[in-house]
Every structure is written in C-alpha cells, then in structure tokens.
Amino acid sequence: MAMHARSGGQLEVMGMLQGKTVQDTFVIIDCFALPVEGTETRVNAQAEANEYMVDFIDANKVGSGGAG
C-alpha cells in the first residue's frame, strides 16, 4: 500500500483494508489499491472501482478456499 501511495505523486490515492476485529482492536489482514484518482476536493470513483472491489474480494474468497 505504501508503494501505491507514493506512486500517486500529486494525486491522492485510495485503497481498501481488509481485516477483522479481535476484542477492541481491528487487525488488518490485507490491503489493495483501488483504480481511483482524487484530489483534495474531488474523487473520481466510478462504477469500475466498485466492480474492482467486488472482483478482488471474490477472488480472495476463491483463493482461500471460500473462507471469509
């Protein structure tokens, strides 16, 4: 995720964190970059970003044997 953030240059970048809660702590298990560009006042998050998130999560479920 740090590489994704640095690659944005002047643009802000977006990503998704996946994880679980353990008591009162959120444990991050995975993260992935989203194909979205943004500035301080505008984010271009269209349907393709939503589709990308769903496809990524589905692929992770298949890759992990469906657990999750």
C-alpha atoms as a PDB file:
ATOM      1  CA  MET A   1       0.000   0.000   0.000  1.00  0.00           C
ATOM      2  CA  ALA A   2       2.899   2.354   0.680  1.00  0.00           C
ATOM      3  CA  MET A   3       4.151   1.853  -2.895  1.00  0.00           C
ATOM      4  CA  HIS A   4       0.673   2.689  -4.198  1.00  0.00           C
ATOM      5  CA  ALA A   5       0.573   5.850  -2.084  1.00  0.00           C
ATOM      6  CA  ARG A   6       3.967   7.049  -3.322  1.00  0.00           C
ATOM      7  CA  SER A   7       3.048   6.339  -6.955  1.00  0.00           C
ATOM      8  CA  GLY A   8       0.214   8.858  -6.753  1.00  0.00           C
ATOM      9  CA  GLY A   9       2.541  11.854  -6.902  1.00  0.00           C
ATOM     10  CA  GLN A  10       0.341  14.957  -6.613  1.00  0.00           C
ATOM     11  CA  LEU A  11      -2.857  12.881  -6.677  1.00  0.00           C
ATOM     12  CA  GLU A  12      -4.377  11.317  -3.600  1.00  0.00           C
ATOM     13  CA  VAL A  13      -4.788   7.567  -3.786  1.00  0.00           C
ATOM     14  CA  MET A  14      -7.391   5.236  -2.397  1.00  0.00           C
ATOM     15  CA  GLY A  15      -7.201   1.702  -1.162  1.00  0.00           C
ATOM     16  CA  MET A  16      -9.194  -0.842   0.790  1.00  0.00           C
ATOM     17  CA  LEU A  17      -8.139  -2.502   4.018  1.00  0.00           C
ATOM     18  CA  GLN A  18      -9.469  -5.955   4.844  1.00  0.00           C
ATOM     19  CA  GLY A  19      -9.390  -7.373   8.303  1.00  0.00           C
ATOM     20  CA  LYS A  20     -11.241  -8.490  11.378  1.00  0.00           C
ATOM     21  CA  THR A  21     -11.876  -7.342  14.917  1.00  0.00           C
ATOM     22  CA  VAL A  22     -10.247  -9.013  17.878  1.00  0.00           C
ATOM     23  CA  GLN A  23     -11.828  -7.673  21.069  1.00  0.00           C
ATOM     24  CA  ASP A  24     -11.400  -3.886  20.710  1.00  0.00           C
ATOM     25  CA  THR A  25      -8.686  -3.995  18.011  1.00  0.00           C
ATOM     26  CA  PHE A  26      -9.012  -4.023  14.228  1.00  0.00           C
ATOM     27  CA  VAL A  27      -6.464  -6.426  12.746  1.00  0.00           C
ATOM     28  CA  ILE A  28      -5.548  -5.635   9.120  1.00  0.00           C
ATOM     29  CA  ILE A  29      -5.037  -8.824   7.142  1.00  0.00           C
ATOM     30  CA  ASP A  30      -4.741  -7.458   3.601  1.00  0.00           C
ATOM     31  CA  CYS A  31      -4.884  -4.236   1.628  1.00  0.00           C
ATOM     32  CA  PHE A  32      -5.201  -3.416  -2.038  1.00  0.00           C
ATOM     33  CA  ALA A  33      -5.059  -0.351  -4.223  1.00  0.00           C
ATOM     34  CA  LEU A  34      -8.168   0.943  -5.973  1.00  0.00           C
ATOM     35  CA  PRO A  35      -8.103   2.254  -9.543  1.00  0.00           C
ATOM     36  CA  VAL A  36      -9.280   5.702  -8.412  1.00  0.00           C
ATOM     37  CA  GLU A  37      -7.763   9.171  -8.719  1.00  0.00           C
ATOM     38  CA  GLY A  38      -8.524  12.041  -6.410  1.00  0.00           C
ATOM     39  CA  THR A  39      -7.561  15.494  -5.209  1.00  0.00           C
ATOM     40  CA  GLU A  40      -8.385  17.362  -2.018  1.00  0.00           C
ATOM     41  CA  THR A  41     -11.836  18.258  -3.291  1.00  0.00           C
ATOM     42  CA  ARG A  42     -12.761  15.593  -5.847  1.00  0.00           C
ATOM     43  CA  VAL A  43     -12.556  11.809  -6.172  1.00  0.00           C
ATOM     44  CA  ASN A  44     -13.214  10.026  -9.436  1.00  0.00           C
ATOM     45  CA  ALA A  45     -14.636   6.792  -8.013  1.00  0.00           C
ATOM     46  CA  GLN A  46     -16.956   5.387 -10.628  1.00  0.00           C
ATOM     47  CA  ALA A  47     -18.640   2.018 -11.027  1.00  0.00           C
ATOM     48  CA  GLU A  48     -15.365   0.415 -12.138  1.00  0.00           C
ATOM     49  CA  ALA A  49     -13.918   0.972  -8.650  1.00  0.00           C
ATOM     50  CA  ASN A  50     -16.912  -0.786  -7.079  1.00  0.00           C
ATOM     51  CA  GLU A  51     -16.635  -3.660  -9.561  1.00  0.00           C
ATOM     52  CA  TYR A  52     -12.894  -3.909  -8.884  1.00  0.00           C
ATOM     53  CA  MET A  53     -13.503  -4.209  -5.116  1.00  0.00           C
ATOM     54  CA  VAL A  54     -16.139  -6.922  -5.563  1.00  0.00           C
ATOM     55  CA  ASP A  55     -13.969  -8.875  -8.020  1.00  0.00           C
ATOM     56  CA  PHE A  56     -10.934  -8.618  -5.725  1.00  0.00           C
ATOM     57  CA  ILE A  57     -12.861  -9.821  -2.669  1.00  0.00           C
ATOM     58  CA  ASP A  58     -14.456 -12.678  -4.657  1.00  0.00           C
ATOM     59  CA  ALA A  59     -11.039 -13.750  -5.978  1.00  0.00           C
ATOM     60  CA  ASN A  60      -9.660 -13.769  -2.438  1.00  0.00           C
ATOM     61  CA  LYS A  61     -12.531 -15.993  -1.279  1.00  0.00           C
ATOM     62  CA  VAL A  62     -11.880 -18.457  -4.108  1.00  0.00           C
ATOM     63  CA  GLY A  63      -8.109 -18.378  -3.461  1.00  0.00           C
ATOM     64  CA  SER A  64      -8.578 -19.031   0.242  1.00  0.00           C
ATOM     65  CA  GLY A  65     -10.960 -21.929  -0.241  1.00  0.00           C
ATOM     66  CA  GLY A  66     -14.115 -19.874   0.288  1.00  0.00           C
ATOM     67  CA  ALA A  67     -13.413 -18.955   3.904  1.00  0.00           C
ATOM     68  CA  GLY A  68     -14.050 -15.355   4.646  1.00  0.00           C
END
